[in-house]
N, C-alpha and C. Protein backbone atom coordinates (compact mmCIF):
# COMPACT_ATOMS: atom_id res chain seq x y z
N UNK A 1 -100.47 -115.69 13.78
CA UNK A 1 -100.76 -115.24 15.21
C UNK A 1 -102.24 -115.40 15.41
N UNK A 2 -102.76 -116.00 16.38
CA UNK A 2 -104.35 -116.13 16.58
C UNK A 2 -104.88 -114.76 16.96
N UNK A 3 -106.00 -114.36 16.73
CA UNK A 3 -106.52 -113.05 17.32
C UNK A 3 -107.58 -113.60 18.39
N UNK A 4 -107.37 -112.79 19.48
CA UNK A 4 -108.16 -112.89 20.79
C UNK A 4 -109.45 -112.71 20.45
N UNK A 5 -110.39 -113.56 20.97
CA UNK A 5 -111.90 -113.31 20.84
C UNK A 5 -112.27 -112.86 22.19
N UNK A 6 -112.94 -111.96 22.27
CA UNK A 6 -113.46 -111.43 23.46
C UNK A 6 -114.79 -112.27 23.76
N UNK A 7 -114.91 -112.56 24.97
CA UNK A 7 -116.28 -113.18 25.11
C UNK A 7 -117.48 -112.50 25.18
N UNK A 8 -118.59 -112.96 24.69
CA UNK A 8 -119.75 -112.18 24.56
C UNK A 8 -120.41 -111.96 26.18
N UNK A 9 -120.88 -110.87 26.38
CA UNK A 9 -121.28 -110.75 27.75
C UNK A 9 -122.94 -110.76 27.53
N UNK A 10 -123.59 -111.52 28.53
CA UNK A 10 -125.12 -111.66 28.41
C UNK A 10 -125.68 -111.12 29.67
N UNK A 11 -126.70 -110.53 29.69
CA UNK A 11 -127.54 -110.15 30.94
C UNK A 11 -127.91 -111.56 31.57
N UNK A 12 -128.43 -111.35 32.69
CA UNK A 12 -129.02 -112.53 33.39
C UNK A 12 -130.29 -113.11 32.44
N UNK A 13 -130.91 -112.18 32.22
CA UNK A 13 -132.28 -112.47 31.27
C UNK A 13 -131.66 -113.14 29.97
N UNK A 14 -130.69 -112.63 29.53
CA UNK A 14 -130.24 -113.35 28.12
C UNK A 14 -129.75 -114.71 28.41
N UNK A 15 -128.96 -114.75 29.50
CA UNK A 15 -128.62 -116.38 29.68
C UNK A 15 -129.65 -117.22 29.99
N UNK A 16 -130.92 -116.79 30.67
CA UNK A 16 -131.86 -117.63 30.78
C UNK A 16 -132.59 -118.01 29.66
N UNK A 17 -132.61 -117.06 28.86
CA UNK A 17 -133.25 -117.45 27.34
C UNK A 17 -132.26 -118.26 26.66
N UNK A 18 -131.10 -118.11 26.81
CA UNK A 18 -129.99 -118.98 25.89
C UNK A 18 -130.19 -120.38 26.43
N UNK A 19 -130.43 -120.68 27.65
CA UNK A 19 -130.67 -121.90 28.29
C UNK A 19 -131.89 -122.66 27.93
N UNK A 20 -132.78 -121.73 27.95
CA UNK A 20 -134.22 -122.34 27.45
C UNK A 20 -134.22 -122.77 26.06
N UNK A 21 -133.64 -121.91 25.19
CA UNK A 21 -133.60 -122.17 23.86
C UNK A 21 -132.54 -123.38 23.37
N UNK A 22 -131.61 -123.57 24.28
CA UNK A 22 -130.48 -124.73 24.06
C UNK A 22 -131.41 -126.08 24.37
N UNK A 23 -132.42 -126.08 25.56
CA UNK A 23 -133.03 -127.26 26.30
C UNK A 23 -134.15 -127.46 25.21
N UNK A 24 -134.57 -126.37 24.47
CA UNK A 24 -135.79 -126.64 23.65
C UNK A 24 -135.17 -127.36 22.20
N UNK A 25 -134.14 -126.72 22.11
CA UNK A 25 -133.40 -127.59 20.62
C UNK A 25 -133.10 -128.89 20.95
N UNK A 26 -132.54 -129.08 22.20
CA UNK A 26 -132.02 -130.61 22.77
C UNK A 26 -133.48 -131.50 22.77
N UNK A 27 -134.24 -131.00 23.05
CA UNK A 27 -135.62 -131.86 23.31
C UNK A 27 -136.04 -131.86 21.87
N UNK A 28 -136.36 -130.71 20.96
CA UNK A 28 -136.62 -131.00 19.71
C UNK A 28 -135.90 -132.00 18.95
N UNK A 29 -134.71 -132.35 19.24
CA UNK A 29 -133.72 -133.23 18.48
C UNK A 29 -134.19 -134.69 18.91
N UNK A 30 -134.51 -134.71 20.07
CA UNK A 30 -134.85 -136.43 20.53
C UNK A 30 -136.20 -136.79 20.10
N UNK A 31 -136.19 -137.82 19.23
CA UNK A 31 -137.50 -138.28 18.70
C UNK A 31 -138.21 -139.10 20.04
N UNK A 32 -137.64 -139.56 21.03
CA UNK A 32 -138.27 -140.02 22.15
C UNK A 32 -137.65 -139.59 23.61
N UNK A 33 -138.38 -139.08 24.22
CA UNK A 33 -137.81 -138.62 25.83
C UNK A 33 -137.63 -139.73 26.64
N UNK A 34 -136.66 -139.78 27.39
CA UNK A 34 -136.64 -140.73 28.48
C UNK A 34 -137.67 -140.66 29.51
N UNK A 35 -138.35 -141.88 30.01
CA UNK A 35 -139.40 -142.02 31.01
C UNK A 35 -138.51 -142.14 32.33
N UNK A 36 -138.82 -141.15 33.00
CA UNK A 36 -138.20 -141.23 34.52
C UNK A 36 -139.46 -141.71 35.42
N UNK A 37 -139.47 -142.69 36.35
CA UNK A 37 -140.33 -143.02 37.26
C UNK A 37 -139.70 -143.02 38.71
N UNK A 38 -139.95 -142.09 39.49
CA UNK A 38 -139.34 -141.93 40.85
C UNK A 38 -140.25 -142.78 41.87
N UNK A 39 -141.58 -143.10 41.66
CA UNK A 39 -142.47 -143.76 42.57
C UNK A 39 -143.24 -144.36 41.50
N UNK A 40 -143.98 -145.48 42.00
CA UNK A 40 -145.02 -146.09 41.09
C UNK A 40 -146.17 -145.06 41.10
N UNK A 41 -147.08 -145.06 39.81
CA UNK A 41 -148.27 -144.32 39.75
C UNK A 41 -149.16 -144.60 40.72
N UNK A 42 -149.55 -143.44 41.31
CA UNK A 42 -150.56 -143.75 42.24
C UNK A 42 -151.95 -144.01 41.71
N UNK A 43 -152.60 -144.98 42.22
CA UNK A 43 -153.88 -145.45 41.68
C UNK A 43 -155.04 -145.00 42.53
N UNK A 44 -156.12 -146.02 42.80
CA UNK A 44 -157.13 -145.44 43.49
C UNK A 44 -156.99 -145.18 44.95
N UNK A 45 -157.86 -144.39 45.56
CA UNK A 45 -157.40 -143.96 46.97
C UNK A 45 -158.69 -143.87 47.62
N UNK A 46 -158.33 -144.56 49.12
CA UNK A 46 -159.46 -144.52 49.89
C UNK A 46 -159.12 -143.87 51.31
N UNK A 47 -160.14 -143.27 51.82
CA UNK A 47 -159.96 -142.58 53.17
C UNK A 47 -160.95 -143.08 54.36
N UNK A 48 -160.56 -143.09 55.47
CA UNK A 48 -161.48 -143.42 56.83
C UNK A 48 -161.08 -141.98 57.57
N UNK A 49 -162.32 -141.59 58.06
CA UNK A 49 -162.13 -140.33 59.06
C UNK A 49 -162.61 -141.00 60.36
N UNK A 50 -161.96 -141.15 61.29
CA UNK A 50 -162.23 -141.70 62.54
C UNK A 50 -162.82 -140.88 63.49
N UNK A 51 -163.84 -141.13 64.22
CA UNK A 51 -164.68 -140.34 65.02
C UNK A 51 -164.72 -141.18 66.39
N UNK A 52 -164.63 -140.38 67.60
CA UNK A 52 -164.64 -140.80 68.93
C UNK A 52 -165.88 -141.98 69.10
N UNK A 53 -165.59 -142.74 70.00
CA UNK A 53 -166.50 -143.92 70.34
C UNK A 53 -166.33 -144.04 72.00
N UNK A 54 -167.30 -144.71 72.57
CA UNK A 54 -167.13 -145.18 73.94
C UNK A 54 -166.90 -143.88 74.89
N UNK A 55 -167.32 -142.61 74.41
CA UNK A 55 -166.88 -141.43 75.41
C UNK A 55 -165.47 -140.98 75.20
N UNK A 56 -164.74 -141.44 74.28
CA UNK A 56 -163.26 -141.01 74.21
C UNK A 56 -163.35 -139.71 73.36
N UNK A 57 -162.09 -139.12 73.07
CA UNK A 57 -162.06 -137.82 72.18
C UNK A 57 -160.98 -138.06 71.11
N UNK A 58 -160.74 -139.45 70.81
CA UNK A 58 -159.84 -139.89 70.04
C UNK A 58 -160.35 -139.53 68.59
N UNK A 59 -159.63 -138.95 67.58
CA UNK A 59 -159.94 -138.62 66.30
C UNK A 59 -158.73 -139.09 65.43
N UNK A 60 -158.92 -139.13 64.06
CA UNK A 60 -158.05 -139.55 63.16
C UNK A 60 -158.39 -139.42 61.59
N UNK A 61 -157.28 -139.72 60.90
CA UNK A 61 -157.66 -140.02 59.36
C UNK A 61 -156.64 -141.00 58.95
N UNK A 62 -157.09 -141.83 58.09
CA UNK A 62 -156.21 -142.85 57.47
C UNK A 62 -156.36 -143.03 55.75
N UNK A 63 -155.44 -142.94 55.13
CA UNK A 63 -155.63 -143.26 53.74
C UNK A 63 -154.97 -144.31 53.07
N UNK A 64 -155.46 -145.08 52.19
CA UNK A 64 -154.87 -146.24 51.43
C UNK A 64 -154.96 -145.79 49.99
N UNK A 65 -153.62 -145.82 49.50
CA UNK A 65 -153.58 -145.58 48.13
C UNK A 65 -152.61 -146.62 47.38
N UNK A 66 -153.42 -147.05 46.30
CA UNK A 66 -152.77 -148.17 45.56
C UNK A 66 -151.57 -147.75 44.65
N UNK A 67 -150.28 -148.31 44.95
CA UNK A 67 -149.16 -147.82 44.20
C UNK A 67 -148.45 -149.04 43.67
N UNK A 68 -148.91 -149.26 42.35
CA UNK A 68 -148.31 -150.61 41.87
C UNK A 68 -149.01 -151.79 42.52
N UNK A 69 -148.08 -152.73 42.95
CA UNK A 69 -148.66 -153.93 43.64
C UNK A 69 -148.99 -153.92 45.19
N UNK A 70 -148.70 -152.60 45.54
CA UNK A 70 -148.49 -152.33 47.05
C UNK A 70 -149.83 -151.39 47.28
N UNK A 71 -150.11 -151.14 48.60
CA UNK A 71 -151.00 -150.10 49.09
C UNK A 71 -150.16 -149.47 50.08
N UNK A 72 -150.24 -147.92 49.78
CA UNK A 72 -149.50 -147.25 50.89
C UNK A 72 -150.57 -146.89 51.79
N UNK A 73 -150.10 -146.81 53.11
CA UNK A 73 -150.98 -146.41 54.37
C UNK A 73 -150.38 -145.50 55.11
N UNK A 74 -151.09 -144.36 55.39
CA UNK A 74 -150.68 -143.14 56.12
C UNK A 74 -151.80 -142.65 56.79
N UNK A 75 -151.50 -142.56 58.11
CA UNK A 75 -152.47 -142.24 59.17
C UNK A 75 -152.08 -141.16 60.11
N UNK A 76 -152.91 -140.25 60.80
CA UNK A 76 -152.52 -139.47 61.76
C UNK A 76 -153.84 -139.57 62.80
N UNK A 77 -153.36 -139.49 64.06
CA UNK A 77 -154.37 -139.70 65.22
C UNK A 77 -154.05 -138.78 66.27
N UNK A 78 -155.05 -138.26 66.97
CA UNK A 78 -154.70 -137.24 67.97
C UNK A 78 -155.80 -137.77 69.21
N UNK A 79 -155.39 -137.25 70.35
CA UNK A 79 -155.89 -137.40 71.72
C UNK A 79 -155.90 -138.88 72.00
N UNK A 80 -154.90 -139.51 71.94
CA UNK A 80 -154.79 -140.88 72.32
C UNK A 80 -154.02 -140.76 73.77
N UNK A 81 -154.03 -141.70 74.60
CA UNK A 81 -153.47 -141.71 75.88
C UNK A 81 -151.74 -142.14 75.31
N UNK A 82 -150.98 -141.59 75.98
CA UNK A 82 -149.61 -142.00 75.69
C UNK A 82 -149.51 -143.61 75.85
N UNK A 83 -148.61 -144.05 74.90
CA UNK A 83 -148.30 -145.52 74.96
C UNK A 83 -148.60 -146.12 73.44
N UNK A 84 -148.86 -147.48 73.61
CA UNK A 84 -149.09 -148.26 72.41
C UNK A 84 -150.65 -148.77 72.29
N UNK A 85 -150.79 -148.57 71.12
CA UNK A 85 -152.47 -148.71 70.74
C UNK A 85 -152.49 -149.76 69.62
N UNK A 86 -153.32 -150.53 69.48
CA UNK A 86 -153.56 -151.33 68.43
C UNK A 86 -154.54 -150.80 67.48
N UNK A 87 -154.49 -150.96 66.00
CA UNK A 87 -155.34 -150.29 65.08
C UNK A 87 -155.29 -151.49 64.00
N UNK A 88 -156.59 -151.71 63.57
CA UNK A 88 -157.05 -152.81 62.89
C UNK A 88 -158.31 -152.41 61.76
N UNK A 89 -158.15 -153.13 60.64
CA UNK A 89 -159.15 -152.81 59.84
C UNK A 89 -160.44 -153.94 60.06
N UNK A 90 -161.57 -153.46 60.37
CA UNK A 90 -162.49 -154.41 60.82
C UNK A 90 -163.47 -154.88 59.58
N UNK A 91 -163.97 -156.05 59.75
CA UNK A 91 -164.86 -156.63 58.56
C UNK A 91 -166.04 -155.86 58.05
N UNK A 92 -166.80 -155.11 58.95
CA UNK A 92 -167.91 -154.34 58.44
C UNK A 92 -167.61 -153.03 58.49
N UNK A 93 -168.16 -152.25 57.45
CA UNK A 93 -168.18 -150.70 57.33
C UNK A 93 -169.13 -150.19 58.11
N UNK A 94 -169.23 -150.35 59.42
CA UNK A 94 -170.32 -149.69 60.04
C UNK A 94 -169.73 -149.34 61.38
N UNK A 95 -169.92 -148.03 61.48
CA UNK A 95 -169.32 -147.40 62.99
C UNK A 95 -170.65 -146.87 63.83
N UNK A 96 -171.84 -147.37 63.56
CA UNK A 96 -173.07 -146.90 64.12
C UNK A 96 -173.14 -146.99 65.50
N UNK A 97 -172.74 -148.14 66.02
CA UNK A 97 -173.02 -148.30 67.55
C UNK A 97 -172.16 -147.37 68.39
N UNK A 98 -172.65 -147.02 69.59
CA UNK A 98 -172.02 -146.29 70.34
C UNK A 98 -170.31 -146.96 70.75
N UNK A 99 -170.27 -148.19 70.88
CA UNK A 99 -168.95 -148.76 71.23
C UNK A 99 -168.12 -149.47 69.97
N UNK A 100 -168.62 -149.07 68.85
CA UNK A 100 -168.08 -149.18 67.54
C UNK A 100 -168.29 -150.92 67.22
N UNK A 101 -169.04 -151.63 68.09
CA UNK A 101 -168.92 -153.26 67.92
C UNK A 101 -169.68 -153.38 66.68
N UNK A 102 -170.54 -152.66 66.00
CA UNK A 102 -171.10 -152.70 64.80
C UNK A 102 -170.15 -152.86 63.51
N UNK A 103 -168.83 -152.61 63.79
CA UNK A 103 -167.83 -152.85 62.89
C UNK A 103 -167.54 -154.31 62.82
N UNK A 104 -167.93 -155.24 63.62
CA UNK A 104 -167.54 -156.49 63.53
C UNK A 104 -166.20 -156.76 64.08
N UNK A 105 -165.60 -158.07 63.74
CA UNK A 105 -164.33 -158.59 64.08
C UNK A 105 -163.24 -158.13 63.38
N UNK A 106 -162.08 -158.27 63.40
CA UNK A 106 -160.86 -157.82 62.54
C UNK A 106 -161.18 -158.50 61.31
N UNK A 107 -160.79 -157.64 60.32
CA UNK A 107 -161.17 -158.53 58.85
C UNK A 107 -160.06 -159.55 58.92
N UNK A 108 -160.54 -160.72 58.20
CA UNK A 108 -159.83 -161.80 57.91
C UNK A 108 -160.28 -162.49 56.78
N UNK A 109 -159.82 -161.77 55.64
CA UNK A 109 -160.57 -162.40 54.28
C UNK A 109 -160.00 -163.57 53.81
N UNK A 110 -158.83 -163.92 54.34
CA UNK A 110 -158.28 -165.38 53.98
C UNK A 110 -158.39 -166.50 54.96
N UNK A 111 -159.41 -165.99 55.92
CA UNK A 111 -159.67 -167.11 57.17
C UNK A 111 -158.45 -167.67 57.83
N UNK A 112 -157.49 -166.77 57.94
CA UNK A 112 -156.30 -167.26 58.72
C UNK A 112 -156.68 -167.95 60.13
N UNK A 113 -155.80 -168.95 60.64
CA UNK A 113 -156.26 -169.42 61.88
C UNK A 113 -155.94 -168.46 63.10
N UNK A 114 -156.03 -168.53 64.14
CA UNK A 114 -155.64 -167.90 65.34
C UNK A 114 -154.03 -167.92 65.35
N UNK A 115 -153.64 -166.64 65.68
CA UNK A 115 -152.15 -166.41 65.69
C UNK A 115 -151.37 -166.20 64.47
N UNK A 116 -152.02 -166.37 63.30
CA UNK A 116 -151.58 -165.81 61.93
C UNK A 116 -151.96 -164.38 61.67
N UNK A 117 -151.37 -163.92 60.78
CA UNK A 117 -151.54 -162.42 60.29
C UNK A 117 -152.77 -162.60 59.49
N UNK A 118 -153.62 -161.47 59.90
CA UNK A 118 -155.10 -161.52 59.33
C UNK A 118 -154.94 -160.29 58.40
N UNK A 119 -155.83 -160.22 57.31
CA UNK A 119 -155.85 -159.01 56.64
C UNK A 119 -155.82 -157.71 57.12
N UNK A 120 -156.70 -157.51 58.37
CA UNK A 120 -156.96 -156.34 58.97
C UNK A 120 -155.66 -155.85 60.02
N UNK A 121 -154.85 -156.71 60.08
CA UNK A 121 -153.65 -156.25 61.02
C UNK A 121 -153.04 -155.20 60.45
N UNK A 122 -152.73 -154.14 61.11
CA UNK A 122 -151.82 -153.17 61.06
C UNK A 122 -150.72 -152.74 61.83
N UNK A 123 -149.81 -151.96 61.63
CA UNK A 123 -148.73 -152.06 62.88
C UNK A 123 -149.34 -151.24 64.10
N UNK A 124 -148.76 -151.38 65.13
CA UNK A 124 -149.38 -150.55 66.32
C UNK A 124 -148.89 -149.37 66.22
N UNK A 125 -149.43 -148.58 67.10
CA UNK A 125 -149.45 -146.95 67.17
C UNK A 125 -148.67 -146.63 68.30
N UNK A 126 -147.69 -145.73 68.34
CA UNK A 126 -147.06 -145.51 69.61
C UNK A 126 -147.31 -143.85 69.76
N UNK A 127 -148.25 -143.57 70.51
CA UNK A 127 -148.76 -142.08 71.06
C UNK A 127 -147.45 -141.67 71.85
N UNK A 128 -147.09 -140.55 71.89
CA UNK A 128 -146.23 -139.74 72.63
C UNK A 128 -147.14 -138.94 73.84
N UNK A 129 -146.51 -138.18 74.66
CA UNK A 129 -146.93 -137.43 75.72
C UNK A 129 -148.22 -136.43 75.06
N UNK A 130 -148.10 -136.04 74.10
CA UNK A 130 -148.98 -134.98 73.53
C UNK A 130 -150.26 -135.59 72.93
N UNK A 131 -150.11 -136.95 72.89
CA UNK A 131 -151.46 -137.82 72.47
C UNK A 131 -151.68 -137.84 70.89
N UNK A 132 -150.41 -137.59 70.02
CA UNK A 132 -150.44 -137.89 68.79
C UNK A 132 -149.78 -139.00 68.36
N UNK A 133 -150.10 -139.70 67.18
CA UNK A 133 -149.39 -140.71 66.66
C UNK A 133 -149.50 -140.83 65.18
N UNK A 134 -148.59 -141.31 64.43
CA UNK A 134 -148.54 -141.32 62.89
C UNK A 134 -148.53 -142.71 62.44
N UNK A 135 -148.98 -143.30 61.52
CA UNK A 135 -148.78 -144.57 60.79
C UNK A 135 -148.35 -144.10 59.32
N UNK A 136 -147.12 -144.78 58.95
CA UNK A 136 -146.70 -144.78 57.72
C UNK A 136 -146.18 -146.39 57.36
N UNK A 137 -146.84 -147.02 56.36
CA UNK A 137 -146.51 -148.30 56.03
C UNK A 137 -147.00 -148.66 54.70
N UNK A 138 -146.70 -149.77 54.16
CA UNK A 138 -147.35 -150.42 52.83
C UNK A 138 -147.68 -151.89 52.95
N UNK A 139 -148.61 -152.34 52.30
CA UNK A 139 -149.01 -153.70 52.38
C UNK A 139 -149.18 -154.27 50.97
N UNK A 140 -148.63 -155.43 50.55
CA UNK A 140 -148.87 -156.15 49.47
C UNK A 140 -150.03 -157.15 49.39
N UNK A 141 -150.70 -157.26 50.65
CA UNK A 141 -151.87 -158.22 50.91
C UNK A 141 -153.26 -157.49 50.74
N UNK A 142 -152.91 -156.00 50.67
CA UNK A 142 -154.47 -155.27 50.55
C UNK A 142 -154.49 -154.79 48.88
N UNK A 143 -155.56 -154.30 48.53
CA UNK A 143 -155.97 -153.45 47.39
C UNK A 143 -157.12 -152.34 47.58
N UNK A 144 -157.00 -151.54 46.77
CA UNK A 144 -157.94 -150.35 46.86
C UNK A 144 -158.75 -150.22 45.57
N UNK A 145 -160.00 -150.45 45.67
CA UNK A 145 -160.89 -150.29 44.65
C UNK A 145 -160.86 -151.23 43.67
N UNK A 146 -160.49 -152.54 43.99
CA UNK A 146 -160.33 -153.52 42.97
C UNK A 146 -161.50 -154.38 43.04
N UNK A 147 -162.40 -154.42 43.92
CA UNK A 147 -163.51 -155.29 44.16
C UNK A 147 -163.16 -156.72 44.48
N UNK A 148 -161.91 -157.08 44.65
CA UNK A 148 -161.57 -158.18 45.25
C UNK A 148 -161.77 -158.56 46.70
N UNK A 149 -161.58 -159.74 47.10
CA UNK A 149 -161.61 -159.99 48.49
C UNK A 149 -160.66 -159.23 49.32
N UNK A 150 -159.60 -158.66 49.01
CA UNK A 150 -158.67 -158.01 49.89
C UNK A 150 -158.99 -156.35 49.61
N UNK A 151 -159.93 -156.04 48.86
CA UNK A 151 -160.13 -154.57 48.84
C UNK A 151 -160.52 -153.95 50.12
N UNK A 152 -160.05 -152.79 50.39
CA UNK A 152 -160.25 -152.15 51.65
C UNK A 152 -161.43 -151.33 51.81
N UNK A 153 -162.20 -150.84 50.65
CA UNK A 153 -163.16 -150.09 50.51
C UNK A 153 -164.33 -151.03 51.03
N UNK A 154 -165.35 -150.21 52.08
CA UNK A 154 -166.15 -150.56 52.49
C UNK A 154 -166.04 -151.48 53.85
N UNK A 155 -164.92 -151.38 54.45
CA UNK A 155 -164.47 -151.88 55.66
C UNK A 155 -164.27 -150.56 56.80
N UNK A 156 -163.97 -151.12 57.79
CA UNK A 156 -163.83 -149.98 59.04
C UNK A 156 -162.59 -150.14 59.67
N UNK A 157 -162.14 -148.89 60.10
CA UNK A 157 -160.66 -149.14 60.85
C UNK A 157 -160.91 -148.50 62.36
N UNK A 158 -160.36 -149.19 63.27
CA UNK A 158 -160.86 -148.98 64.63
C UNK A 158 -159.39 -149.00 65.40
N UNK A 159 -159.11 -147.67 66.31
CA UNK A 159 -158.19 -147.47 67.00
C UNK A 159 -158.52 -148.11 68.46
N UNK A 160 -157.70 -148.98 69.04
CA UNK A 160 -158.14 -149.57 70.30
C UNK A 160 -157.19 -148.95 71.64
N UNK A 161 -157.77 -149.09 72.75
CA UNK A 161 -156.88 -148.35 73.88
C UNK A 161 -155.67 -148.94 74.13
N UNK A 162 -155.53 -150.00 73.79
CA UNK A 162 -154.33 -150.72 74.19
C UNK A 162 -154.07 -151.79 73.30
N UNK A 163 -152.87 -152.33 73.35
CA UNK A 163 -152.47 -153.61 72.32
C UNK A 163 -153.49 -154.78 72.66
N UNK A 164 -154.29 -155.11 71.81
CA UNK A 164 -155.06 -156.23 71.84
C UNK A 164 -155.02 -157.30 70.63
N UNK A 165 -154.26 -158.18 70.63
CA UNK A 165 -154.17 -159.01 69.67
C UNK A 165 -155.36 -159.75 68.96
N UNK A 166 -156.45 -159.66 69.86
CA UNK A 166 -157.70 -160.32 69.44
C UNK A 166 -158.95 -159.92 70.15
N UNK A 167 -159.28 -158.50 69.49
CA UNK A 167 -160.60 -157.86 70.14
C UNK A 167 -161.75 -158.51 69.89
N UNK A 168 -162.28 -158.63 71.11
CA UNK A 168 -163.81 -159.44 70.90
C UNK A 168 -164.98 -158.24 70.51
N UNK A 169 -165.99 -158.69 69.84
CA UNK A 169 -167.14 -157.82 69.49
C UNK A 169 -168.03 -157.99 70.66
N UNK A 170 -168.37 -156.99 71.26
CA UNK A 170 -169.29 -157.12 72.29
C UNK A 170 -170.25 -156.05 72.30
N UNK A 171 -171.49 -156.17 72.02
CA UNK A 171 -172.49 -155.14 71.99
C UNK A 171 -173.17 -154.57 73.31
N UNK A 172 -173.30 -153.31 73.33
CA UNK A 172 -173.94 -152.84 74.61
C UNK A 172 -173.12 -152.72 75.80
N UNK A 173 -171.72 -152.68 75.79
CA UNK A 173 -170.73 -152.58 76.59
C UNK A 173 -169.67 -151.49 76.29
N UNK A 174 -169.13 -150.84 77.44
CA UNK A 174 -167.92 -149.89 76.98
C UNK A 174 -166.81 -151.04 76.92
N UNK A 175 -165.93 -150.74 75.91
CA UNK A 175 -164.95 -151.52 75.47
C UNK A 175 -163.78 -150.52 75.28
N UNK A 176 -162.59 -151.08 74.77
CA UNK A 176 -161.43 -149.97 74.57
C UNK A 176 -161.35 -149.69 72.94
N UNK A 177 -162.36 -149.71 72.31
CA UNK A 177 -162.50 -149.42 70.95
C UNK A 177 -162.83 -147.45 71.08
N UNK A 178 -161.68 -147.18 70.68
CA UNK A 178 -161.68 -145.53 70.94
C UNK A 178 -162.24 -144.77 69.65
N UNK A 179 -161.90 -144.99 68.50
CA UNK A 179 -162.52 -144.33 67.29
C UNK A 179 -162.66 -145.32 66.20
N UNK A 180 -163.56 -145.04 65.44
CA UNK A 180 -163.99 -145.76 64.23
C UNK A 180 -164.13 -144.84 63.02
N UNK A 181 -163.92 -145.53 61.96
CA UNK A 181 -164.22 -144.67 60.56
C UNK A 181 -164.32 -145.52 59.63
N UNK A 182 -165.14 -145.40 58.50
CA UNK A 182 -165.51 -146.45 57.56
C UNK A 182 -164.62 -145.80 56.39
N UNK A 183 -163.99 -146.92 55.64
CA UNK A 183 -163.24 -146.49 54.57
C UNK A 183 -163.96 -146.46 53.23
N UNK A 184 -163.79 -145.33 52.73
CA UNK A 184 -164.70 -144.85 51.56
C UNK A 184 -163.68 -144.40 50.32
N UNK A 185 -164.11 -144.64 49.13
CA UNK A 185 -163.27 -144.11 47.84
C UNK A 185 -163.12 -142.62 48.15
N UNK A 186 -161.77 -142.14 47.53
CA UNK A 186 -161.74 -140.95 47.96
C UNK A 186 -161.01 -140.60 46.36
N UNK A 187 -161.43 -139.20 45.90
CA UNK A 187 -160.78 -138.72 44.77
C UNK A 187 -159.41 -138.36 44.82
N UNK A 188 -158.91 -138.09 45.88
CA UNK A 188 -157.51 -137.67 46.27
C UNK A 188 -157.23 -136.62 45.38
N UNK A 189 -155.92 -136.31 45.31
CA UNK A 189 -155.51 -135.08 44.44
C UNK A 189 -154.50 -135.66 43.31
N UNK A 190 -154.96 -135.44 42.24
CA UNK A 190 -154.22 -135.91 40.97
C UNK A 190 -153.15 -134.71 40.39
N UNK A 191 -151.82 -134.81 40.61
CA UNK A 191 -151.15 -133.71 40.28
C UNK A 191 -151.01 -133.43 38.82
N UNK A 192 -151.29 -134.66 38.00
CA UNK A 192 -151.18 -134.48 36.60
C UNK A 192 -152.14 -133.34 36.10
N UNK A 193 -153.22 -133.33 36.76
CA UNK A 193 -154.30 -132.39 36.44
C UNK A 193 -154.00 -131.13 36.79
N UNK A 194 -152.97 -130.79 37.72
CA UNK A 194 -152.68 -129.42 38.19
C UNK A 194 -151.61 -128.92 37.02
N UNK A 195 -150.92 -129.67 36.12
CA UNK A 195 -149.94 -129.19 35.27
C UNK A 195 -150.00 -129.43 33.74
């Protein structure tokens, strides 16, 4: 006849230490740990802080983060009129003129023809009744900090008052260019350094 074995009762703290010890033993027994990648490594990052132009109150921030062979783009914009707005990357990193015309035309690194997608084309913004809009997208045609012709650093981002597929640069006149910001390299937040 087999003797009955009574189970060992451990406190909650004792169970926690037992789990930690078991996990440590398991890890120590592995010569190589598996590598898990939930998302591509975040590479260089660039940010543009958009300030009002043409007497508007529109402001915003947009970031560009290299993730593998794509660039993740995230933006938040406030004080927009409700409705659809164009947002473009412009050729020149200069927002010094009152109407943002100093940013030049929409960036077109590949010299595409009229009607074709340009380097600076971004998705349209849809502002709600509260005047806010968000942008979340990615692009395989842009890069960050590479120095290549498709590098976003040194260009400007402009939010336009309405959908305008081909905004014209006009100095000295009011236009629908509501906010402008120059794209600059950013240090970002490196989570690896926190842990």
